[in-house]
């Protein structure tokens, strides 16, 4: 299916409207992207333009307890250089200027929430 979409948009020159939650797919298949939040376009541009707007490195860890949202936020506020902390279920995501320096501190700060992982 993805090959056909790529063929139609590339070789045939058709405009394809594709909805996906997977940014890797959008990056691979699209010349232009629009990110929609609650029915409103919040960002648009080429994949490279949008990626260029992101500052820093992304960190993602899986928590042992899906109810640990508040504890994870509290633990990460103690780690210097962490921002954009989000917790959805067991998935914790954050951004930092230096991922290699921040990951050990994040893991130590959230060790009780990670269940030994």
PDB file of N, CA and C in Angstrom:
ATOM      1  N   UNK A   1       0.825  -1.183   0.000  1.00  0.00           N
ATOM      2  CA  UNK A   1       0.000   0.000   0.000  1.00  0.00           C
ATOM      3  C   UNK A   1       0.876   1.257   0.000  1.00  0.00           C
ATOM      4  N   UNK A   2       1.939   1.277   0.853  1.00  0.00           N
ATOM      5  CA  UNK A   2       2.805   2.451   0.927  1.00  0.00           C
ATOM      6  C   UNK A   2       3.534   2.673  -0.388  1.00  0.00           C
ATOM      7  N   UNK A   3       3.922   1.594  -1.045  1.00  0.00           N
ATOM      8  CA  UNK A   3       4.596   1.727  -2.336  1.00  0.00           C
ATOM      9  C   UNK A   3       3.662   2.350  -3.367  1.00  0.00           C
ATOM     10  N   UNK A   4       2.404   1.955  -3.349  1.00  0.00           N
ATOM     11  CA  UNK A   4       1.428   2.518  -4.284  1.00  0.00           C
ATOM     12  C   UNK A   4       1.192   4.011  -4.011  1.00  0.00           C
ATOM     13  N   UNK A   5       1.103   4.376  -2.744  1.00  0.00           N
ATOM     14  CA  UNK A   5       0.949   5.796  -2.390  1.00  0.00           C
ATOM     15  C   UNK A   5       2.158   6.587  -2.873  1.00  0.00           C
ATOM     16  N   UNK A   6       3.350   6.065  -2.663  1.00  0.00           N
ATOM     17  CA  UNK A   6       4.568   6.735  -3.112  1.00  0.00           C
ATOM     18  C   UNK A   6       4.581   6.857  -4.633  1.00  0.00           C
ATOM     19  N   UNK A   7       4.144   5.814  -5.333  1.00  0.00           N
ATOM     20  CA  UNK A   7       4.087   5.843  -6.798  1.00  0.00           C
ATOM     21  C   UNK A   7       3.098   6.897  -7.284  1.00  0.00           C
ATOM     22  N   UNK A   8       1.901   6.922  -6.705  1.00  0.00           N
ATOM     23  CA  UNK A   8       0.876   7.877  -7.131  1.00  0.00           C
ATOM     24  C   UNK A   8       1.307   9.319  -6.919  1.00  0.00           C
ATOM     25  N   UNK A   9       1.939   9.585  -5.784  1.00  0.00           N
ATOM     26  CA  UNK A   9       2.347  10.963  -5.503  1.00  0.00           C
ATOM     27  C   UNK A   9       3.610  11.336  -6.266  1.00  0.00           C
ATOM     28  N   UNK A  10       4.516  10.390  -6.457  1.00  0.00           N
ATOM     29  CA  UNK A  10       5.779  10.684  -7.135  1.00  0.00           C
ATOM     30  C   UNK A  10       5.665  10.629  -8.641  1.00  0.00           C
ATOM     31  N   UNK A  11       5.412   9.464  -9.181  1.00  0.00           N
ATOM     32  CA  UNK A  11       5.388   9.267 -10.635  1.00  0.00           C
ATOM     33  C   UNK A  11       4.171   9.876 -11.303  1.00  0.00           C
ATOM     34  N   UNK A  12       3.034   9.781 -10.653  1.00  0.00           N
ATOM     35  CA  UNK A  12       1.789  10.269 -11.253  1.00  0.00           C
ATOM     36  C   UNK A  12       1.521  11.738 -10.929  1.00  0.00           C
ATOM     37  N   UNK A  13       2.241  12.287  -9.951  1.00  0.00           N
ATOM     38  CA  UNK A  13       2.071  13.690  -9.598  1.00  0.00           C
ATOM     39  C   UNK A  13       0.760  14.014  -8.899  1.00  0.00           C
ATOM     40  N   UNK A  14       0.120  13.017  -8.325  1.00  0.00           N
ATOM     41  CA  UNK A  14      -1.147  13.240  -7.629  1.00  0.00           C
ATOM     42  C   UNK A  14      -0.908  13.758  -6.215  1.00  0.00           C
ATOM     43  N   UNK A  15      -1.841  14.549  -5.740  1.00  0.00           N
ATOM     44  CA  UNK A  15      -1.815  14.974  -4.355  1.00  0.00           C
ATOM     45  C   UNK A  15      -2.594  13.951  -3.547  1.00  0.00           C
ATOM     46  N   UNK A  16      -1.970  13.421  -2.514  1.00  0.00           N
ATOM     47  CA  UNK A  16      -2.585  12.405  -1.670  1.00  0.00           C
ATOM     48  C   UNK A  16      -2.775  13.001  -0.284  1.00  0.00           C
ATOM     49  N   UNK A  17      -3.972  12.886   0.239  1.00  0.00           N
ATOM     50  CA  UNK A  17      -4.230  13.288   1.621  1.00  0.00           C
ATOM     51  C   UNK A  17      -4.155  12.025   2.469  1.00  0.00           C
ATOM     52  N   UNK A  18      -3.172  11.980   3.357  1.00  0.00           N
ATOM     53  CA  UNK A  18      -2.913  10.801   4.171  1.00  0.00           C
ATOM     54  C   UNK A  18      -2.976  11.194   5.636  1.00  0.00           C
ATOM     55  N   UNK A  19      -3.734  10.459   6.395  1.00  0.00           N
ATOM     56  CA  UNK A  19      -3.802  10.686   7.829  1.00  0.00           C
ATOM     57  C   UNK A  19      -3.062   9.550   8.519  1.00  0.00           C
ATOM     58  N   UNK A  20      -2.118   9.889   9.380  1.00  0.00           N
ATOM     59  CA  UNK A  20      -1.361   8.870  10.103  1.00  0.00           C
ATOM     60  C   UNK A  20      -0.940   9.414  11.455  1.00  0.00           C
ATOM     61  N   UNK A  21      -0.759   8.521  12.391  1.00  0.00           N
ATOM     62  CA  UNK A  21      -0.205   8.880  13.700  1.00  0.00           C
ATOM     63  C   UNK A  21       1.284   8.548  13.746  1.00  0.00           C
ATOM     64  N   UNK A  22       1.805   7.956  12.676  1.00  0.00           N
ATOM     65  CA  UNK A  22       3.190   7.519  12.636  1.00  0.00           C
ATOM     66  C   UNK A  22       4.030   8.515  11.845  1.00  0.00           C
ATOM     67  N   UNK A  23       4.843   9.276  12.544  1.00  0.00           N
ATOM     68  CA  UNK A  23       5.635  10.308  11.894  1.00  0.00           C
ATOM     69  C   UNK A  23       6.658   9.741  10.917  1.00  0.00           C
ATOM     70  N   UNK A  24       7.113   8.505  11.157  1.00  0.00           N
ATOM     71  CA  UNK A  24       8.054   7.878  10.234  1.00  0.00           C
ATOM     72  C   UNK A  24       7.406   7.696   8.863  1.00  0.00           C
ATOM     73  N   UNK A  25       6.122   7.302   8.850  1.00  0.00           N
ATOM     74  CA  UNK A  25       5.406   7.152   7.581  1.00  0.00           C
ATOM     75  C   UNK A  25       5.267   8.501   6.887  1.00  0.00           C
ATOM     76  N   UNK A  26       4.852   9.489   7.614  1.00  0.00           N
ATOM     77  CA  UNK A  26       4.670  10.825   7.039  1.00  0.00           C
ATOM     78  C   UNK A  26       5.991  11.354   6.492  1.00  0.00           C
ATOM     79  N   UNK A  27       7.066  11.150   7.218  1.00  0.00           N
ATOM     80  CA  UNK A  27       8.380  11.621   6.799  1.00  0.00           C
ATOM     81  C   UNK A  27       8.794  10.960   5.491  1.00  0.00           C
ATOM     82  N   UNK A  28       8.522   9.674   5.367  1.00  0.00           N
ATOM     83  CA  UNK A  28       8.925   8.910   4.194  1.00  0.00           C
ATOM     84  C   UNK A  28       8.047   9.209   2.977  1.00  0.00           C
ATOM     85  N   UNK A  29       6.757   9.446   3.190  1.00  0.00           N
ATOM     86  CA  UNK A  29       5.809   9.530   2.085  1.00  0.00           C
ATOM     87  C   UNK A  29       5.412  10.943   1.666  1.00  0.00           C
ATOM     88  N   UNK A  30       5.594  11.916   2.530  1.00  0.00           N
ATOM     89  CA  UNK A  30       5.005  13.234   2.265  1.00  0.00           C
ATOM     90  C   UNK A  30       6.048  14.281   1.895  1.00  0.00           C
ATOM     91  N   UNK A  31       5.642  15.160   0.979  1.00  0.00           N
ATOM     92  CA  UNK A  31       6.454  16.334   0.662  1.00  0.00           C
ATOM     93  C   UNK A  31       6.146  17.473   1.624  1.00  0.00           C
ATOM     94  N   UNK A  32       4.886  17.524   2.080  1.00  0.00           N
ATOM     95  CA  UNK A  32       4.444  18.550   3.034  1.00  0.00           C
ATOM     96  C   UNK A  32       3.589  17.876   4.094  1.00  0.00           C
ATOM     97  N   UNK A  33       3.674  18.405   5.303  1.00  0.00           N
ATOM     98  CA  UNK A  33       2.912  17.864   6.431  1.00  0.00           C
ATOM     99  C   UNK A  33       2.110  18.966   7.095  1.00  0.00           C
ATOM    100  N   UNK A  34       0.998  18.580   7.680  1.00  0.00           N
ATOM    101  CA  UNK A  34       0.231  19.471   8.554  1.00  0.00           C
ATOM    102  C   UNK A  34      -0.078  18.669   9.805  1.00  0.00           C
ATOM    103  N   UNK A  35       0.269  19.210  10.944  1.00  0.00           N
ATOM    104  CA  UNK A  35      -0.023  18.554  12.215  1.00  0.00           C
ATOM    105  C   UNK A  35      -1.271  19.198  12.779  1.00  0.00           C
ATOM    106  N   UNK A  36      -2.266  18.362  13.055  1.00  0.00           N
ATOM    107  CA  UNK A  36      -3.581  18.836  13.492  1.00  0.00           C
ATOM    108  C   UNK A  36      -3.794  18.435  14.948  1.00  0.00           C
ATOM    109  N   UNK A  37      -4.228  19.384  15.760  1.00  0.00           N
ATOM    110  CA  UNK A  37      -4.556  19.136  17.159  1.00  0.00           C
ATOM    111  C   UNK A  37      -5.953  19.675  17.422  1.00  0.00           C
ATOM    112  N   UNK A  38      -6.868  18.808  17.795  1.00  0.00           N
ATOM    113  CA  UNK A  38      -8.254  19.189  18.060  1.00  0.00           C
ATOM    114  C   UNK A  38      -8.861  19.969  16.891  1.00  0.00           C
ATOM    115  N   UNK A  39      -8.617  19.490  15.668  1.00  0.00           N
ATOM    116  CA  UNK A  39      -9.227  20.086  14.492  1.00  0.00           C
ATOM    117  C   UNK A  39      -8.545  21.331  13.958  1.00  0.00           C
ATOM    118  N   UNK A  40      -7.439  21.753  14.563  1.00  0.00           N
ATOM    119  CA  UNK A  40      -6.726  22.960  14.110  1.00  0.00           C
ATOM    120  C   UNK A  40      -5.315  22.601  13.677  1.00  0.00           C
ATOM    121  N   UNK A  41      -4.861  23.186  12.581  1.00  0.00           N
ATOM    122  CA  UNK A  41      -3.482  22.979  12.138  1.00  0.00           C
ATOM    123  C   UNK A  41      -2.565  23.763  13.072  1.00  0.00           C
ATOM    124  N   UNK A  42      -1.651  23.058  13.739  1.00  0.00           N
ATOM    125  CA  UNK A  42      -0.747  23.702  14.691  1.00  0.00           C
ATOM    126  C   UNK A  42       0.672  23.841  14.134  1.00  0.00           C
ATOM    127  N   UNK A  43       0.972  23.096  13.070  1.00  0.00           N
ATOM    128  CA  UNK A  43       2.277  23.210  12.417  1.00  0.00           C
ATOM    129  C   UNK A  43       2.149  22.660  11.006  1.00  0.00           C
ATOM    130  N   UNK A  44       2.877  23.263  10.086  1.00  0.00           N
ATOM    131  CA  UNK A  44       2.888  22.735   8.725  1.00  0.00           C
ATOM    132  C   UNK A  44       4.187  23.112   8.046  1.00  0.00           C
ATOM    133  N   UNK A  45       4.582  22.266   7.093  1.00  0.00           N
ATOM    134  CA  UNK A  45       5.805  22.490   6.346  1.00  0.00           C
ATOM    135  C   UNK A  45       6.325  21.173   5.802  1.00  0.00           C
ATOM    136  N   UNK A  46       7.527  21.210   5.274  1.00  0.00           N
ATOM    137  CA  UNK A  46       8.151  19.970   4.806  1.00  0.00           C
ATOM    138  C   UNK A  46       8.598  19.175   6.033  1.00  0.00           C
ATOM    139  N   UNK A  47       8.811  17.871   5.872  1.00  0.00           N
ATOM    140  CA  UNK A  47       9.314  17.106   7.016  1.00  0.00           C
ATOM    141  C   UNK A  47      10.602  17.691   7.601  1.00  0.00           C
ATOM    142  N   UNK A  48      11.524  18.110   6.746  1.00  0.00           N
ATOM    143  CA  UNK A  48      12.786  18.679   7.246  1.00  0.00           C
ATOM    144  C   UNK A  48      12.583  20.003   7.964  1.00  0.00           C
ATOM    145  N   UNK A  49      11.664  20.834   7.471  1.00  0.00           N
ATOM    146  CA  UNK A  49      11.382  22.103   8.160  1.00  0.00           C
ATOM    147  C   UNK A  49      10.832  21.846   9.561  1.00  0.00           C
ATOM    148  N   UNK A  50       9.891  20.911   9.657  1.00  0.00           N
ATOM    149  CA  UNK A  50       9.291  20.632  10.965  1.00  0.00           C
ATOM    150  C   UNK A  50      10.295  19.998  11.920  1.00  0.00           C
ATOM    151  N   UNK A  51      11.113  19.085  11.414  1.00  0.00           N
ATOM    152  CA  UNK A  51      12.131  18.470  12.279  1.00  0.00           C
ATOM    153  C   UNK A  51      13.157  19.506  12.717  1.00  0.00           C
ATOM    154  N   UNK A  52      13.458  20.474  11.853  1.00  0.00           N
ATOM    155  CA  UNK A  52      14.409  21.524  12.185  1.00  0.00           C
ATOM    156  C   UNK A  52      13.930  22.436  13.301  1.00  0.00           C
ATOM    157  N   UNK A  53      12.611  22.504  13.499  1.00  0.00           N
ATOM    158  CA  UNK A  53      12.057  23.331  14.569  1.00  0.00           C
ATOM    159  C   UNK A  53      12.189  22.679  15.938  1.00  0.00           C
ATOM    160  N   UNK A  54      12.426  21.370  15.947  1.00  0.00           N
ATOM    161  CA  UNK A  54      12.579  20.677  17.221  1.00  0.00           C
ATOM    162  C   UNK A  54      13.969  20.934  17.769  1.00  0.00           C
ATOM    163  N   UNK A  55      14.047  21.318  19.007  1.00  0.00           N
ATOM    164  CA  UNK A  55      15.325  21.574  19.650  1.00  0.00           C
ATOM    165  C   UNK A  55      15.667  20.397  20.539  1.00  0.00           C
ATOM    166  N   UNK A  56      16.891  19.954  20.496  1.00  0.00           N
ATOM    167  CA  UNK A  56      17.368  18.947  21.429  1.00  0.00           C
ATOM    168  C   UNK A  56      17.081  17.520  21.019  1.00  0.00           C
ATOM    169  N   UNK A  57      17.292  16.635  21.987  1.00  0.00           N
ATOM    170  CA  UNK A  57      17.114  15.197  21.802  1.00  0.00           C
ATOM    171  C   UNK A  57      15.831  14.740  22.480  1.00  0.00           C
ATOM    172  N   UNK A  58      15.256  13.679  21.958  1.00  0.00           N
ATOM    173  CA  UNK A  58      14.059  13.093  22.563  1.00  0.00           C
ATOM    174  C   UNK A  58      14.458  11.908  23.433  1.00  0.00           C
ATOM    175  N   UNK A  59      13.802  11.788  24.579  1.00  0.00           N
ATOM    176  CA  UNK A  59      13.995  10.659  25.487  1.00  0.00           C
ATOM    177  C   UNK A  59      12.644   9.988  25.646  1.00  0.00           C
ATOM    178  N   UNK A  60      12.636   8.655  25.580  1.00  0.00           N
ATOM    179  CA  UNK A  60      11.398   7.922  25.816  1.00  0.00           C
ATOM    180  C   UNK A  60      11.727   6.706  26.668  1.00  0.00           C
ATOM    181  N   UNK A  61      10.963   6.530  27.736  1.00  0.00           N
ATOM    182  CA  UNK A  61      11.103   5.349  28.590  1.00  0.00           C
ATOM    183  C   UNK A  61       9.724   4.768  28.858  1.00  0.00           C
ATOM    184  N   UNK A  62       9.701   3.480  29.157  1.00  0.00           N
ATOM    185  CA  UNK A  62       8.450   2.810  29.490  1.00  0.00           C
ATOM    186  C   UNK A  62       8.385   2.621  30.998  1.00  0.00           C
ATOM    187  N   UNK A  63       7.314   3.141  31.592  1.00  0.00           N
ATOM    188  CA  UNK A  63       7.129   3.052  33.037  1.00  0.00           C
ATOM    189  C   UNK A  63       6.484   1.728  33.417  1.00  0.00           C
ATOM    190  N   UNK A  64       6.800   1.257  34.602  1.00  0.00           N
ATOM    191  CA  UNK A  64       6.200   0.033  35.108  1.00  0.00           C
ATOM    192  C   UNK A  64       4.740   0.251  35.480  1.00  0.00           C
ATOM    193  N   UNK A  65       4.440   1.412  36.044  1.00  0.00           N
ATOM    194  CA  UNK A  65       3.100   1.717  36.541  1.00  0.00           C
ATOM    195  C   UNK A  65       2.426   2.742  35.631  1.00  0.00           C
ATOM    196  N   UNK A  66       1.339   2.362  34.938  1.00  0.00           N
ATOM    197  CA  UNK A  66       0.671   3.315  34.059  1.00  0.00           C
ATOM    198  C   UNK A  66      -0.008   4.456  34.815  1.00  0.00           C
ATOM    199  N   UNK A  67      -0.092   4.382  36.124  1.00  0.00           N
ATOM    200  CA  UNK A  67      -0.718   5.430  36.935  1.00  0.00           C
ATOM    201  C   UNK A  67       0.325   6.370  37.550  1.00  0.00           C
ATOM    202  N   UNK A  68       1.556   6.333  37.069  1.00  0.00           N
ATOM    203  CA  UNK A  68       2.665   7.061  37.696  1.00  0.00           C
ATOM    204  C   UNK A  68       2.885   8.455  37.121  1.00  0.00           C
ATOM    205  N   UNK A  69       1.924   8.999  36.416  1.00  0.00           N
ATOM    206  CA  UNK A  69       2.079  10.288  35.745  1.00  0.00           C
ATOM    207  C   UNK A  69       2.637  11.366  36.668  1.00  0.00           C
ATOM    208  N   UNK A  70       1.988  11.624  37.777  1.00  0.00           N
ATOM    209  CA  UNK A  70       2.424  12.667  38.705  1.00  0.00           C
ATOM    210  C   UNK A  70       3.795  12.407  39.279  1.00  0.00           C
ATOM    211  N   UNK A  71       4.071  11.159  39.636  1.00  0.00           N
ATOM    212  CA  UNK A  71       5.381  10.812  40.181  1.00  0.00           C
ATOM    213  C   UNK A  71       6.480  11.029  39.142  1.00  0.00           C
ATOM    214  N   UNK A  72       6.205  10.693  37.893  1.00  0.00           N
ATOM    215  CA  UNK A  72       7.205  10.859  36.834  1.00  0.00           C
ATOM    216  C   UNK A  72       7.502  12.332  36.601  1.00  0.00           C
ATOM    217  N   UNK A  73       6.463  13.153  36.559  1.00  0.00           N
ATOM    218  CA  UNK A  73       6.676  14.599  36.387  1.00  0.00           C
ATOM    219  C   UNK A  73       7.510  15.160  37.533  1.00  0.00           C
ATOM    220  N   UNK A  74       7.198  14.765  38.753  1.00  0.00           N
ATOM    221  CA  UNK A  74       7.950  15.242  39.917  1.00  0.00           C
ATOM    222  C   UNK A  74       9.403  14.805  39.830  1.00  0.00           C
ATOM    223  N   UNK A  75       9.640  13.549  39.469  1.00  0.00           N
ATOM    224  CA  UNK A  75      11.008  13.035  39.370  1.00  0.00           C
ATOM    225  C   UNK A  75      11.789  13.762  38.277  1.00  0.00           C
ATOM    226  N   UNK A  76      11.163  14.039  37.163  1.00  0.00           N
ATOM    227  CA  UNK A  76      11.887  14.665  36.061  1.00  0.00           C
ATOM    228  C   UNK A  76      12.108  16.161  36.266  1.00  0.00           C
ATOM    229  N   UNK A  77      11.295  16.805  37.070  1.00  0.00           N
ATOM    230  CA  UNK A  77      11.523  18.229  37.350  1.00  0.00           C
ATOM    231  C   UNK A  77      12.824  18.436  38.116  1.00  0.00           C
ATOM    232  N   UNK A  78      13.327  17.380  38.741  1.00  0.00           N
ATOM    233  CA  UNK A  78      14.597  17.463  39.461  1.00  0.00           C
ATOM    234  C   UNK A  78      15.794  17.258  38.533  1.00  0.00           C
ATOM    235  N   UNK A  79      15.547  16.806  37.303  1.00  0.00           N
ATOM    236  CA  UNK A  79      16.641  16.562  36.356  1.00  0.00           C
ATOM    237  C   UNK A  79      16.874  17.834  35.547  1.00  0.00           C
ATOM    238  N   UNK A  80      18.083  18.410  35.623  1.00  0.00           N
ATOM    239  CA  UNK A  80      18.339  19.648  34.887  1.00  0.00           C
ATOM    240  C   UNK A  80      18.304  19.429  33.379  1.00  0.00           C
ATOM    241  N   UNK A  81      17.786  20.411  32.661  1.00  0.00           N
ATOM    242  CA  UNK A  81      17.802  20.378  31.206  1.00  0.00           C
ATOM    243  C   UNK A  81      16.716  19.541  30.552  1.00  0.00           C
ATOM    244  N   UNK A  82      15.672  19.187  31.304  1.00  0.00           N
ATOM    245  CA  UNK A  82      14.565  18.399  30.759  1.00  0.00           C
ATOM    246  C   UNK A  82      13.367  19.311  30.565  1.00  0.00           C
ATOM    247  N   UNK A  83      12.695  19.191  29.426  1.00  0.00           N
ATOM    248  CA  UNK A  83      11.465  19.945  29.197  1.00  0.00           C
ATOM    249  C   UNK A  83      10.519  19.111  28.344  1.00  0.00           C
ATOM    250  N   UNK A  84       9.330  19.622  28.111  1.00  0.00           N
ATOM    251  CA  UNK A  84       8.281  18.952  27.334  1.00  0.00           C
ATOM    252  C   UNK A  84       8.045  17.522  27.829  1.00  0.00           C
ATOM    253  N   UNK A  85       7.863  17.376  29.111  1.00  0.00           N
ATOM    254  CA  UNK A  85       7.612  16.060  29.689  1.00  0.00           C
ATOM    255  C   UNK A  85       6.142  15.695  29.469  1.00  0.00           C
ATOM    256  N   UNK A  86       5.914  14.536  28.867  1.00  0.00           N
ATOM    257  CA  UNK A  86       4.559  14.016  28.714  1.00  0.00           C
ATOM    258  C   UNK A  86       4.539  12.563  29.127  1.00  0.00           C
ATOM    259  N   UNK A  87       3.460  12.170  29.751  1.00  0.00           N
ATOM    260  CA  UNK A  87       3.264  10.775  30.137  1.00  0.00           C
ATOM    261  C   UNK A  87       1.909  10.359  29.605  1.00  0.00           C
ATOM    262  N   UNK A  88       1.904   9.311  28.789  1.00  0.00           N
ATOM    263  CA  UNK A  88       0.670   8.747  28.253  1.00  0.00           C
ATOM    264  C   UNK A  88       0.684   7.265  28.573  1.00  0.00           C
ATOM    265  N   UNK A  89      -0.162   6.886  29.527  1.00  0.00           N
ATOM    266  CA  UNK A  89      -0.145   5.485  29.964  1.00  0.00           C
ATOM    267  C   UNK A  89       1.207   5.166  30.568  1.00  0.00           C
ATOM    268  N   UNK A  90       1.879   4.177  30.003  1.00  0.00           N
ATOM    269  CA  UNK A  90       3.191   3.771  30.510  1.00  0.00           C
ATOM    270  C   UNK A  90       4.344   4.443  29.775  1.00  0.00           C
ATOM    271  N   UNK A  91       4.058   5.250  28.766  1.00  0.00           N
ATOM    272  CA  UNK A  91       5.104   5.869  27.955  1.00  0.00           C
ATOM    273  C   UNK A  91       5.409   7.283  28.446  1.00  0.00           C
ATOM    274  N   UNK A  92       6.663   7.510  28.808  1.00  0.00           N
ATOM    275  CA  UNK A  92       7.131   8.819  29.249  1.00  0.00           C
ATOM    276  C   UNK A  92       8.039   9.380  28.168  1.00  0.00           C
ATOM    277  N   UNK A  93       7.764  10.607  27.750  1.00  0.00           N
ATOM    278  CA  UNK A  93       8.592  11.273  26.743  1.00  0.00           C
ATOM    279  C   UNK A  93       9.032  12.622  27.277  1.00  0.00           C
ATOM    280  N   UNK A  94      10.249  13.013  26.906  1.00  0.00           N
ATOM    281  CA  UNK A  94      10.777  14.316  27.305  1.00  0.00           C
ATOM    282  C   UNK A  94      11.802  14.753  26.273  1.00  0.00           C
ATOM    283  N   UNK A  95      12.159  16.029  26.319  1.00  0.00           N
ATOM    284  CA  UNK A  95      13.195  16.579  25.446  1.00  0.00           C
ATOM    285  C   UNK A  95      14.306  17.160  26.315  1.00  0.00           C
ATOM    286  N   UNK A  96      15.514  17.152  25.770  1.00  0.00           N
ATOM    287  CA  UNK A  96      16.685  17.664  26.467  1.00  0.00           C
ATOM    288  C   UNK A  96      17.718  18.119  25.451  1.00  0.00           C
ATOM    289  N   UNK A  97      18.610  19.002  25.861  1.00  0.00           N
ATOM    290  CA  UNK A  97      19.671  19.448  24.961  1.00  0.00           C
ATOM    291  C   UNK A  97      20.703  18.354  24.719  1.00  0.00           C
ATOM    292  N   UNK A  98      20.952  17.520  25.726  1.00  0.00           N
ATOM    293  CA  UNK A  98      21.998  16.500  25.616  1.00  0.00           C
ATOM    294  C   UNK A  98      21.462  15.174  26.138  1.00  0.00           C
ATOM    295  N   UNK A  99      20.934  14.365  25.226  1.00  0.00           N
ATOM    296  CA  UNK A  99      20.326  13.092  25.603  1.00  0.00           C
ATOM    297  C   UNK A  99      21.278  12.146  26.305  1.00  0.00           C
ATOM    298  N   UNK A 100      22.523  12.060  25.838  1.00  0.00           N
ATOM    299  CA  UNK A 100      23.466  11.119  26.447  1.00  0.00           C
ATOM    300  C   UNK A 100      23.780  11.481  27.890  1.00  0.00           C
ATOM    301  N   UNK A 101      23.750  12.769  28.222  1.00  0.00           N
ATOM    302  CA  UNK A 101      23.984  13.186  29.607  1.00  0.00           C
ATOM    303  C   UNK A 101      22.713  13.059  30.445  1.00  0.00           C
ATOM    304  N   UNK A 102      21.546  13.263  29.831  1.00  0.00           N
ATOM    305  CA  UNK A 102      20.294  13.275  30.586  1.00  0.00           C
ATOM    306  C   UNK A 102      19.740  11.882  30.866  1.00  0.00           C
ATOM    307  N   UNK A 103      19.975  10.924  29.972  1.00  0.00           N
ATOM    308  CA  UNK A 103      19.365   9.597  30.145  1.00  0.00           C
ATOM    309  C   UNK A 103      19.727   8.950  31.481  1.00  0.00           C
ATOM    310  N   UNK A 104      21.001   8.922  31.894  1.00  0.00           N
ATOM    311  CA  UNK A 104      21.292   8.314  33.200  1.00  0.00           C
ATOM    312  C   UNK A 104      20.542   9.000  34.348  1.00  0.00           C
ATOM    313  N   UNK A 105      20.466  10.333  34.330  1.00  0.00           N
ATOM    314  CA  UNK A 105      19.757  11.060  35.385  1.00  0.00           C
ATOM    315  C   UNK A 105      18.262  10.753  35.345  1.00  0.00           C
ATOM    316  N   UNK A 106      17.689  10.641  34.144  1.00  0.00           N
ATOM    317  CA  UNK A 106      16.267  10.288  34.009  1.00  0.00           C
ATOM    318  C   UNK A 106      16.025   8.894  34.555  1.00  0.00           C
ATOM    319  N   UNK A 107      16.889   7.957  34.211  1.00  0.00           N
ATOM    320  CA  UNK A 107      16.714   6.583  34.688  1.00  0.00           C
ATOM    321  C   UNK A 107      16.853   6.491  36.208  1.00  0.00           C
ATOM    322  N   UNK A 108      17.794   7.220  36.768  1.00  0.00           N
ATOM    323  CA  UNK A 108      17.944   7.231  38.222  1.00  0.00           C
ATOM    324  C   UNK A 108      16.725   7.894  38.873  1.00  0.00           C
ATOM    325  N   UNK A 109      16.295   9.028  38.320  1.00  0.00           N
ATOM    326  CA  UNK A 109      15.152   9.745  38.878  1.00  0.00           C
ATOM    327  C   UNK A 109      13.865   8.948  38.810  1.00  0.00           C
ATOM    328  N   UNK A 110      13.732   8.127  37.785  1.00  0.00           N
ATOM    329  CA  UNK A 110      12.487   7.360  37.592  1.00  0.00           C
ATOM    330  C   UNK A 110      12.669   5.882  37.915  1.00  0.00           C
ATOM    331  N   UNK A 111      13.775   5.498  38.542  1.00  0.00           N
ATOM    332  CA  UNK A 111      14.073   4.075  38.741  1.00  0.00           C
ATOM    333  C   UNK A 111      12.946   3.311  39.428  1.00  0.00           C
ATOM    334  N   UNK A 112      12.302   3.902  40.421  1.00  0.00           N
ATOM    335  CA  UNK A 112      11.221   3.211  41.112  1.00  0.00           C
ATOM    336  C   UNK A 112      10.004   3.023  40.197  1.00  0.00           C
ATOM    337  N   UNK A 113       9.871   3.891  39.205  1.00  0.00           N
ATOM    338  CA  UNK A 113       8.719   3.834  38.299  1.00  0.00           C
ATOM    339  C   UNK A 113       8.971   2.917  37.104  1.00  0.00           C
ATOM    340  N   UNK A 114      10.240   2.534  36.885  1.00  0.00           N
ATOM    341  CA  UNK A 114      10.599   1.740  35.727  1.00  0.00           C
ATOM    342  C   UNK A 114      10.507   0.239  35.992  1.00  0.00           C
ATOM    343  N   UNK A 115      10.353  -0.161  37.222  1.00  0.00           N
ATOM    344  CA  UNK A 115      10.233  -1.583  37.527  1.00  0.00           C
ATOM    345  C   UNK A 115      11.480  -2.384  37.200  1.00  0.00           C
ATOM    346  N   UNK A 116      12.652  -1.782  37.402  1.00  0.00           N
ATOM    347  CA  UNK A 116      13.901  -2.498  37.208  1.00  0.00           C
ATOM    348  C   UNK A 116      14.332  -2.605  35.761  1.00  0.00           C
ATOM    349  N   UNK A 117      13.707  -1.857  34.839  1.00  0.00           N
ATOM    350  CA  UNK A 117      14.076  -1.934  33.417  1.00  0.00           C
ATOM    351  C   UNK A 117      15.195  -0.989  33.102  1.00  0.00           C
TER     352      UNK A 117
END
